[in-house]
Structures are given as C-alpha cells and as structure tokens.
Amino acid sequence: MFESKNIYMLKPKYFLYARKSTEDDDHQVMSIESQLFELREFASRENLEILEEFQESKSAKKPGREVFGKMMNKIESMDGVGILGWHPLC
C-alpha cells in the first residue's frame, strides 16, 4: 500500500551566514550583528528554521575563509539545508 508522506509540511532549514570584511574597500556596510538581526527577522517572517549561525570577519576576495568552509562541510553532510546571507551591497 502507498504510504503518504506530507513532505510539503516540512519547514525549510537554513544556516545564517554573516560576514564583514576586514578590508576598507569592501562595500559591506552592515555590522555582523545587524546582518544577523535582519536575517533572523526574514527567517521568522518566512517561517524558515535556522539550524545554526555562522559569522566571520574576512574578505570574500581571498580564499581560505575557515568559517565559510566549516559551514559548507556541514551542508555537504546534510540534506535540504540552505544558506541565508546578507548581500554586501545592501
């Protein structure tokens, strides 16, 4: 017999990622705390489940962002996880 699973009732799961560059020429003007506040508000409005928050103070122009790498490793080992981040020009 067919087993009914209501997959549409599952709440989407996300990681929050906030980054503030240490370089002056980066256009990210919002503080990490401000970014996280806005991302939490968005997630609440959209009924998104936040699994974990990641924050980092490194330039995105250079490789080797440890926190970002850790987050990506976690995503690769999970199913159905996305990232919410703040666009640097906002």
Protein backbone atom coordinates (compact mmCIF):
# COMPACT_ATOMS: atom_id res chain seq x y z
CA MET A 1 0.00 0.00 0.00
CA PHE A 2 1.17 3.54 -0.76
CA GLU A 3 2.49 5.34 2.31
CA SER A 4 1.52 9.01 2.28
CA LYS A 5 4.19 11.41 3.45
CA ASN A 6 3.32 15.05 3.56
CA ILE A 7 6.69 16.47 2.55
CA TYR A 8 5.16 19.88 1.92
CA MET A 9 4.64 20.38 5.64
CA LEU A 10 8.36 20.22 6.34
CA LYS A 11 9.83 23.51 7.44
CA PRO A 12 12.81 24.59 5.30
CA LYS A 13 16.09 24.54 7.21
CA TYR A 14 18.86 27.09 6.81
CA PHE A 15 22.19 28.26 8.13
CA LEU A 16 22.67 32.01 8.63
CA TYR A 17 25.95 33.41 7.36
CA ALA A 18 27.10 36.94 8.22
CA ARG A 19 30.42 38.33 7.08
CA LYS A 20 32.10 41.69 7.48
CA SER A 21 35.26 42.25 5.52
CA THR A 22 38.38 43.49 7.22
CA GLU A 23 39.20 45.44 4.06
CA ASP A 24 38.03 49.04 3.75
CA ASP A 25 37.26 48.81 0.02
CA ASP A 26 34.65 46.08 0.57
CA HIS A 27 31.16 47.51 0.27
CA GLN A 28 29.69 45.63 3.25
CA VAL A 29 28.47 48.43 5.48
CA MET A 30 26.22 46.49 7.85
CA SER A 31 27.72 45.11 11.03
CA ILE A 32 27.61 41.37 11.63
CA GLU A 33 25.02 41.83 14.39
CA SER A 34 22.84 43.97 12.09
CA GLN A 35 23.05 41.36 9.36
CA LEU A 36 22.09 38.57 11.77
CA PHE A 37 19.17 40.62 13.09
CA GLU A 38 17.81 41.20 9.57
CA LEU A 39 18.34 37.56 8.59
CA ARG A 40 16.57 36.32 11.74
CA GLU A 41 13.65 38.66 11.03
CA PHE A 42 13.42 37.42 7.44
CA ALA A 43 13.53 33.78 8.56
CA SER A 44 10.78 34.42 11.09
CA ARG A 45 8.53 36.13 8.52
CA GLU A 46 9.07 33.32 6.01
CA ASN A 47 8.72 30.53 8.60
CA LEU A 48 12.23 29.20 7.96
CA GLU A 49 14.02 27.07 10.52
CA ILE A 50 17.53 28.24 11.45
CA LEU A 51 19.85 25.38 12.34
CA GLU A 52 22.98 27.37 13.10
CA GLU A 53 24.50 30.83 12.70
CA PHE A 54 27.96 31.46 11.29
CA GLN A 55 29.85 34.75 11.39
CA GLU A 56 33.21 35.74 10.07
CA SER A 57 35.41 38.80 9.61
CA LYS A 58 37.33 38.02 6.44
CA SER A 59 37.40 39.27 2.89
CA ALA A 60 35.48 37.17 0.38
CA LYS A 61 38.10 38.07 -2.23
CA LYS A 62 40.71 35.82 -0.66
CA PRO A 63 40.46 32.03 -0.35
CA GLY A 64 40.62 30.26 2.97
CA ARG A 65 37.60 31.53 4.92
CA GLU A 66 37.58 28.96 7.73
CA VAL A 67 34.06 29.61 8.99
CA PHE A 68 32.59 29.52 5.48
CA GLY A 69 34.43 26.25 4.81
CA LYS A 70 33.11 24.73 8.03
CA MET A 71 29.56 25.72 7.07
CA MET A 72 29.93 24.23 3.59
CA ASN A 73 31.25 20.97 5.05
CA LYS A 74 28.17 20.75 7.26
CA ILE A 75 25.87 21.41 4.30
CA GLU A 76 27.51 18.67 2.25
CA SER A 77 26.76 16.15 5.02
CA MET A 78 23.09 17.17 5.34
CA ASP A 79 20.05 17.07 3.10
CA GLY A 80 17.75 20.02 2.50
CA VAL A 81 19.83 22.79 4.03
CA GLY A 82 20.34 26.24 2.53
CA ILE A 83 22.20 29.43 3.40
CA LEU A 84 20.72 32.83 4.21
CA GLY A 85 23.20 35.65 3.87
CA TRP A 86 23.17 39.41 3.52
CA HIS A 87 24.12 40.86 0.13
CA PRO A 88 27.22 43.05 0.59
CA LEU A 89 25.81 45.99 -1.38
CA CYS A 90 22.71 46.36 0.80
